[in-house]
Amino acid sequence: MQRIFADWLRDAFWLLVILGGLGVAINGLRPDTIALFSMSPIAADRSNPDSPVAEISLDEAWDKYEKGEALFIDARSPEDFEAGHIKGAVSLPDQDFDEVFPQKVEEIEKWAQLVTYCDGRDCVLGHALAEKLYQLGFRNASYLVNGWTVWRERGFPTEP
């Protein structure tokens, strides 16, 4: 009886190790990685003082939106954008940047200020997109952390 229990315990342990490793690997492949610890590398990247783009507060973003001073750019997937987005925002999915950017560049060039966003406290897509735009010469690119969620929660205009 003890032998059966020991075999079962050993098998359960290895199953958990394999499934845990698989889960961590899949999480690492996601474009919007889920933080595994409270101080994730994602959060550390956003606070990087060497980053050429700045985080913008919700109040600053609203002020720019209300005055019509900035173009809001959604870095999420096209499906998420279609499900709902900041009113007037354009979709420029970070994962499809190379294919979509040439089609959007003229629309983006008309704006002096750009505010990128995605969804989720640890989502890096908005920050990554703002950095790409900055590297392409858009010097007034900033990003709104957890933009979609905080925008909706405040009751600001959304579409559809």
C-alpha atoms as a PDB file:
ATOM      1  CA  MET A   1       0.000   0.000   0.000  1.00  0.00           C
ATOM      2  CA  GLN A   2       2.861   2.380   0.833  1.00  0.00           C
ATOM      3  CA  ARG A   3       4.505   1.595  -2.491  1.00  0.00           C
ATOM      4  CA  ILE A   4       1.332   2.495  -4.429  1.00  0.00           C
ATOM      5  CA  PHE A   5       1.015   5.787  -2.547  1.00  0.00           C
ATOM      6  CA  ALA A   6       4.707   6.614  -3.146  1.00  0.00           C
ATOM      7  CA  ASP A   7       4.320   5.878  -6.877  1.00  0.00           C
ATOM      8  CA  TRP A   8       1.201   8.024  -7.053  1.00  0.00           C
ATOM      9  CA  LEU A   9       2.927  10.873  -5.199  1.00  0.00           C
ATOM     10  CA  ARG A  10       5.963  10.694  -7.508  1.00  0.00           C
ATOM     11  CA  ASP A  11       3.739  10.699 -10.620  1.00  0.00           C
ATOM     12  CA  ALA A  12       1.696  13.632  -9.299  1.00  0.00           C
ATOM     13  CA  PHE A  13       4.876  15.594  -8.605  1.00  0.00           C
ATOM     14  CA  TRP A  14       6.250  15.080 -12.121  1.00  0.00           C
ATOM     15  CA  LEU A  15       2.892  15.900 -13.672  1.00  0.00           C
ATOM     16  CA  LEU A  16       2.829  19.204 -11.787  1.00  0.00           C
ATOM     17  CA  VAL A  17       6.423  19.992 -12.825  1.00  0.00           C
ATOM     18  CA  ILE A  18       5.672  19.289 -16.489  1.00  0.00           C
ATOM     19  CA  LEU A  19       2.375  21.212 -16.533  1.00  0.00           C
ATOM     20  CA  GLY A  20       3.893  24.129 -14.602  1.00  0.00           C
ATOM     21  CA  GLY A  21       6.794  24.344 -17.033  1.00  0.00           C
ATOM     22  CA  LEU A  22       4.425  24.186 -19.980  1.00  0.00           C
ATOM     23  CA  GLY A  23       2.297  26.971 -18.474  1.00  0.00           C
ATOM     24  CA  VAL A  24       5.314  29.225 -17.908  1.00  0.00           C
ATOM     25  CA  ALA A  25       6.552  28.558 -21.456  1.00  0.00           C
ATOM     26  CA  ILE A  26       3.179  29.382 -23.024  1.00  0.00           C
ATOM     27  CA  ASN A  27       2.912  32.542 -20.911  1.00  0.00           C
ATOM     28  CA  GLY A  28       6.345  33.612 -22.167  1.00  0.00           C
ATOM     29  CA  LEU A  29       5.189  33.303 -25.777  1.00  0.00           C
ATOM     30  CA  ARG A  30       2.142  35.546 -25.300  1.00  0.00           C
ATOM     31  CA  PRO A  31       2.491  39.136 -26.561  1.00  0.00           C
ATOM     32  CA  ASP A  32       0.732  40.335 -23.384  1.00  0.00           C
ATOM     33  CA  THR A  33       2.571  38.197 -20.835  1.00  0.00           C
ATOM     34  CA  ILE A  34       0.852  37.721 -17.492  1.00  0.00           C
ATOM     35  CA  ALA A  35       3.042  38.791 -14.554  1.00  0.00           C
ATOM     36  CA  LEU A  36       4.091  35.845 -12.404  1.00  0.00           C
ATOM     37  CA  PHE A  37       5.416  37.940  -9.512  1.00  0.00           C
ATOM     38  CA  SER A  38       4.429  41.285  -8.042  1.00  0.00           C
ATOM     39  CA  MET A  39       7.475  43.061  -9.503  1.00  0.00           C
ATOM     40  CA  SER A  40       7.385  41.687 -12.992  1.00  0.00           C
ATOM     41  CA  PRO A  41       9.963  42.515 -15.672  1.00  0.00           C
ATOM     42  CA  ILE A  42       7.109  44.209 -17.517  1.00  0.00           C
ATOM     43  CA  ALA A  43       6.597  46.731 -14.739  1.00  0.00           C
ATOM     44  CA  ALA A  44      10.338  47.286 -14.559  1.00  0.00           C
ATOM     45  CA  ASP A  45      10.479  48.011 -18.318  1.00  0.00           C
ATOM     46  CA  ARG A  46       7.846  50.730 -18.014  1.00  0.00           C
ATOM     47  CA  SER A  47       9.774  52.537 -15.306  1.00  0.00           C
ATOM     48  CA  ASN A  48      13.000  52.437 -17.336  1.00  0.00           C
ATOM     49  CA  PRO A  49      14.474  55.952 -17.134  1.00  0.00           C
ATOM     50  CA  ASP A  50      16.234  55.374 -20.473  1.00  0.00           C
ATOM     51  CA  SER A  51      12.939  54.849 -22.295  1.00  0.00           C
ATOM     52  CA  PRO A  52      12.360  57.568 -24.897  1.00  0.00           C
ATOM     53  CA  VAL A  53       8.609  57.645 -24.206  1.00  0.00           C
ATOM     54  CA  ALA A  54       6.748  58.719 -21.114  1.00  0.00           C
ATOM     55  CA  GLU A  55       3.751  57.315 -19.334  1.00  0.00           C
ATOM     56  CA  ILE A  56       0.805  59.703 -19.403  1.00  0.00           C
ATOM     57  CA  SER A  57      -1.780  59.924 -16.625  1.00  0.00           C
ATOM     58  CA  LEU A  58      -5.453  59.393 -17.294  1.00  0.00           C
ATOM     59  CA  ASP A  59      -6.160  63.038 -16.467  1.00  0.00           C
ATOM     60  CA  GLU A  60      -3.493  64.212 -18.941  1.00  0.00           C
ATOM     61  CA  ALA A  61      -4.854  61.847 -21.591  1.00  0.00           C
ATOM     62  CA  TRP A  62      -8.395  63.123 -21.041  1.00  0.00           C
ATOM     63  CA  ASP A  63      -7.219  66.727 -21.292  1.00  0.00           C
ATOM     64  CA  LYS A  64      -5.520  66.017 -24.634  1.00  0.00           C
ATOM     65  CA  TYR A  65      -8.571  64.088 -25.856  1.00  0.00           C
ATOM     66  CA  GLU A  66     -11.022  66.791 -24.834  1.00  0.00           C
ATOM     67  CA  LYS A  67      -8.945  69.499 -26.539  1.00  0.00           C
ATOM     68  CA  GLY A  68      -8.479  67.350 -29.659  1.00  0.00           C
ATOM     69  CA  GLU A  69      -4.715  67.569 -29.289  1.00  0.00           C
ATOM     70  CA  ALA A  70      -3.766  63.892 -29.602  1.00  0.00           C
ATOM     71  CA  LEU A  71      -4.460  60.817 -31.633  1.00  0.00           C
ATOM     72  CA  PHE A  72      -5.198  57.754 -29.515  1.00  0.00           C
ATOM     73  CA  ILE A  73      -3.749  54.529 -30.888  1.00  0.00           C
ATOM     74  CA  ASP A  74      -4.963  51.129 -29.718  1.00  0.00           C
ATOM     75  CA  ALA A  75      -2.144  48.552 -29.599  1.00  0.00           C
ATOM     76  CA  ARG A  76      -4.462  45.603 -28.901  1.00  0.00           C
ATOM     77  CA  SER A  77      -5.563  42.959 -31.374  1.00  0.00           C
ATOM     78  CA  PRO A  78      -8.073  43.878 -34.099  1.00  0.00           C
ATOM     79  CA  GLU A  79     -10.652  41.682 -32.354  1.00  0.00           C
ATOM     80  CA  ASP A  80     -10.246  43.580 -29.079  1.00  0.00           C
ATOM     81  CA  PHE A  81     -10.409  46.901 -30.935  1.00  0.00           C
ATOM     82  CA  GLU A  82     -13.646  45.865 -32.650  1.00  0.00           C
ATOM     83  CA  ALA A  83     -15.135  44.812 -29.317  1.00  0.00           C
ATOM     84  CA  GLY A  84     -14.611  48.341 -27.991  1.00  0.00           C
ATOM     85  CA  HIS A  85     -12.087  51.169 -27.984  1.00  0.00           C
ATOM     86  CA  ILE A  86     -11.569  54.818 -27.111  1.00  0.00           C
ATOM     87  CA  LYS A  87     -13.812  56.885 -29.362  1.00  0.00           C
ATOM     88  CA  GLY A  88     -11.855  58.154 -32.352  1.00  0.00           C
ATOM     89  CA  ALA A  89      -8.857  55.887 -31.717  1.00  0.00           C
ATOM     90  CA  VAL A  90      -7.145  54.063 -34.548  1.00  0.00           C
ATOM     91  CA  SER A  91      -6.094  50.440 -34.426  1.00  0.00           C
ATOM     92  CA  LEU A  92      -2.390  49.712 -34.811  1.00  0.00           C
ATOM     93  CA  PRO A  93      -1.865  46.258 -33.311  1.00  0.00           C
ATOM     94  CA  ASP A  94       1.663  45.952 -31.989  1.00  0.00           C
ATOM     95  CA  GLN A  95       1.990  42.346 -33.196  1.00  0.00           C
ATOM     96  CA  ASP A  96       1.028  43.384 -36.768  1.00  0.00           C
ATOM     97  CA  PHE A  97       2.953  46.663 -36.753  1.00  0.00           C
ATOM     98  CA  ASP A  98       5.078  46.017 -39.851  1.00  0.00           C
ATOM     99  CA  GLU A  99       2.042  45.145 -41.969  1.00  0.00           C
ATOM    100  CA  VAL A 100      -0.383  47.792 -40.662  1.00  0.00           C
ATOM    101  CA  PHE A 101       1.847  50.833 -40.082  1.00  0.00           C
ATOM    102  CA  PRO A 102       2.377  51.700 -43.776  1.00  0.00           C
ATOM    103  CA  GLN A 103      -1.419  51.919 -44.185  1.00  0.00           C
ATOM    104  CA  LYS A 104      -1.795  54.196 -41.129  1.00  0.00           C
ATOM    105  CA  VAL A 105       1.277  56.423 -41.388  1.00  0.00           C
ATOM    106  CA  GLU A 106      -0.476  59.282 -43.214  1.00  0.00           C
ATOM    107  CA  GLU A 107      -3.278  59.350 -40.656  1.00  0.00           C
ATOM    108  CA  ILE A 108      -0.746  59.329 -37.805  1.00  0.00           C
ATOM    109  CA  GLU A 109       1.483  62.033 -39.327  1.00  0.00           C
ATOM    110  CA  LYS A 110      -1.340  64.578 -39.079  1.00  0.00           C
ATOM    111  CA  TRP A 111      -1.095  64.560 -35.289  1.00  0.00           C
ATOM    112  CA  ALA A 112       1.579  66.211 -33.185  1.00  0.00           C
ATOM    113  CA  GLN A 113       0.838  64.108 -30.130  1.00  0.00           C
ATOM    114  CA  LEU A 114       0.170  60.385 -29.930  1.00  0.00           C
ATOM    115  CA  VAL A 115      -1.193  58.403 -26.989  1.00  0.00           C
ATOM    116  CA  THR A 116      -0.935  54.633 -27.240  1.00  0.00           C
ATOM    117  CA  TYR A 117      -2.765  52.207 -24.996  1.00  0.00           C
ATOM    118  CA  CYS A 118      -3.661  48.590 -24.430  1.00  0.00           C
ATOM    119  CA  ASP A 119      -5.476  46.863 -21.576  1.00  0.00           C
ATOM    120  CA  GLY A 120      -4.288  45.425 -18.306  1.00  0.00           C
ATOM    121  CA  ARG A 121      -1.940  46.802 -15.681  1.00  0.00           C
ATOM    122  CA  ASP A 122       0.926  44.622 -16.938  1.00  0.00           C
ATOM    123  CA  CYS A 123       0.213  44.939 -20.665  1.00  0.00           C
ATOM    124  CA  VAL A 124       3.320  46.213 -22.473  1.00  0.00           C
ATOM    125  CA  LEU A 125       1.801  46.577 -25.938  1.00  0.00           C
ATOM    126  CA  GLY A 126       1.013  50.294 -25.566  1.00  0.00           C
ATOM    127  CA  HIS A 127       4.480  51.065 -24.271  1.00  0.00           C
ATOM    128  CA  ALA A 128       6.173  48.972 -26.977  1.00  0.00           C
ATOM    129  CA  LEU A 129       4.103  50.672 -29.671  1.00  0.00           C
ATOM    130  CA  ALA A 130       4.946  54.149 -28.353  1.00  0.00           C
ATOM    131  CA  GLU A 131       8.644  53.256 -28.454  1.00  0.00           C
ATOM    132  CA  LYS A 132       8.372  51.982 -32.048  1.00  0.00           C
ATOM    133  CA  LEU A 133       6.645  55.186 -33.098  1.00  0.00           C
ATOM    134  CA  TYR A 134       9.272  57.262 -31.303  1.00  0.00           C
ATOM    135  CA  GLN A 135      12.048  55.398 -33.107  1.00  0.00           C
ATOM    136  CA  LEU A 136      10.326  56.196 -36.404  1.00  0.00           C
ATOM    137  CA  GLY A 137      10.452  59.916 -35.655  1.00  0.00           C
ATOM    138  CA  PHE A 138       7.204  60.534 -33.751  1.00  0.00           C
ATOM    139  CA  ARG A 139       8.827  62.353 -30.822  1.00  0.00           C
ATOM    140  CA  ASN A 140       5.583  63.156 -28.984  1.00  0.00           C
ATOM    141  CA  ALA A 141       4.469  59.576 -28.383  1.00  0.00           C
ATOM    142  CA  SER A 142       3.341  58.607 -24.895  1.00  0.00           C
ATOM    143  CA  TYR A 143       1.386  55.696 -23.469  1.00  0.00           C
ATOM    144  CA  LEU A 144      -1.524  55.259 -21.086  1.00  0.00           C
ATOM    145  CA  VAL A 145      -1.080  52.288 -18.753  1.00  0.00           C
ATOM    146  CA  ASN A 146      -4.149  50.030 -18.585  1.00  0.00           C
ATOM    147  CA  GLY A 147      -5.696  52.553 -20.947  1.00  0.00           C
ATOM    148  CA  TRP A 148      -8.816  50.746 -22.078  1.00  0.00           C
ATOM    149  CA  THR A 149      -9.872  49.712 -18.573  1.00  0.00           C
ATOM    150  CA  VAL A 150      -9.236  53.048 -16.854  1.00  0.00           C
ATOM    151  CA  TRP A 151     -10.842  54.971 -19.733  1.00  0.00           C
ATOM    152  CA  ARG A 152     -14.048  52.894 -19.547  1.00  0.00           C
ATOM    153  CA  GLU A 153     -14.155  52.973 -15.744  1.00  0.00           C
ATOM    154  CA  ARG A 154     -14.029  56.779 -15.809  1.00  0.00           C
ATOM    155  CA  GLY A 155     -16.956  56.823 -18.255  1.00  0.00           C
ATOM    156  CA  PHE A 156     -15.045  58.564 -21.040  1.00  0.00           C
ATOM    157  CA  PRO A 157     -16.273  58.196 -24.677  1.00  0.00           C
ATOM    158  CA  THR A 158     -15.940  54.761 -26.283  1.00  0.00           C
ATOM    159  CA  GLU A 159     -16.958  53.024 -29.488  1.00  0.00           C
ATOM    160  CA  PRO A 160     -18.813  51.046 -30.790  1.00  0.00           C
END
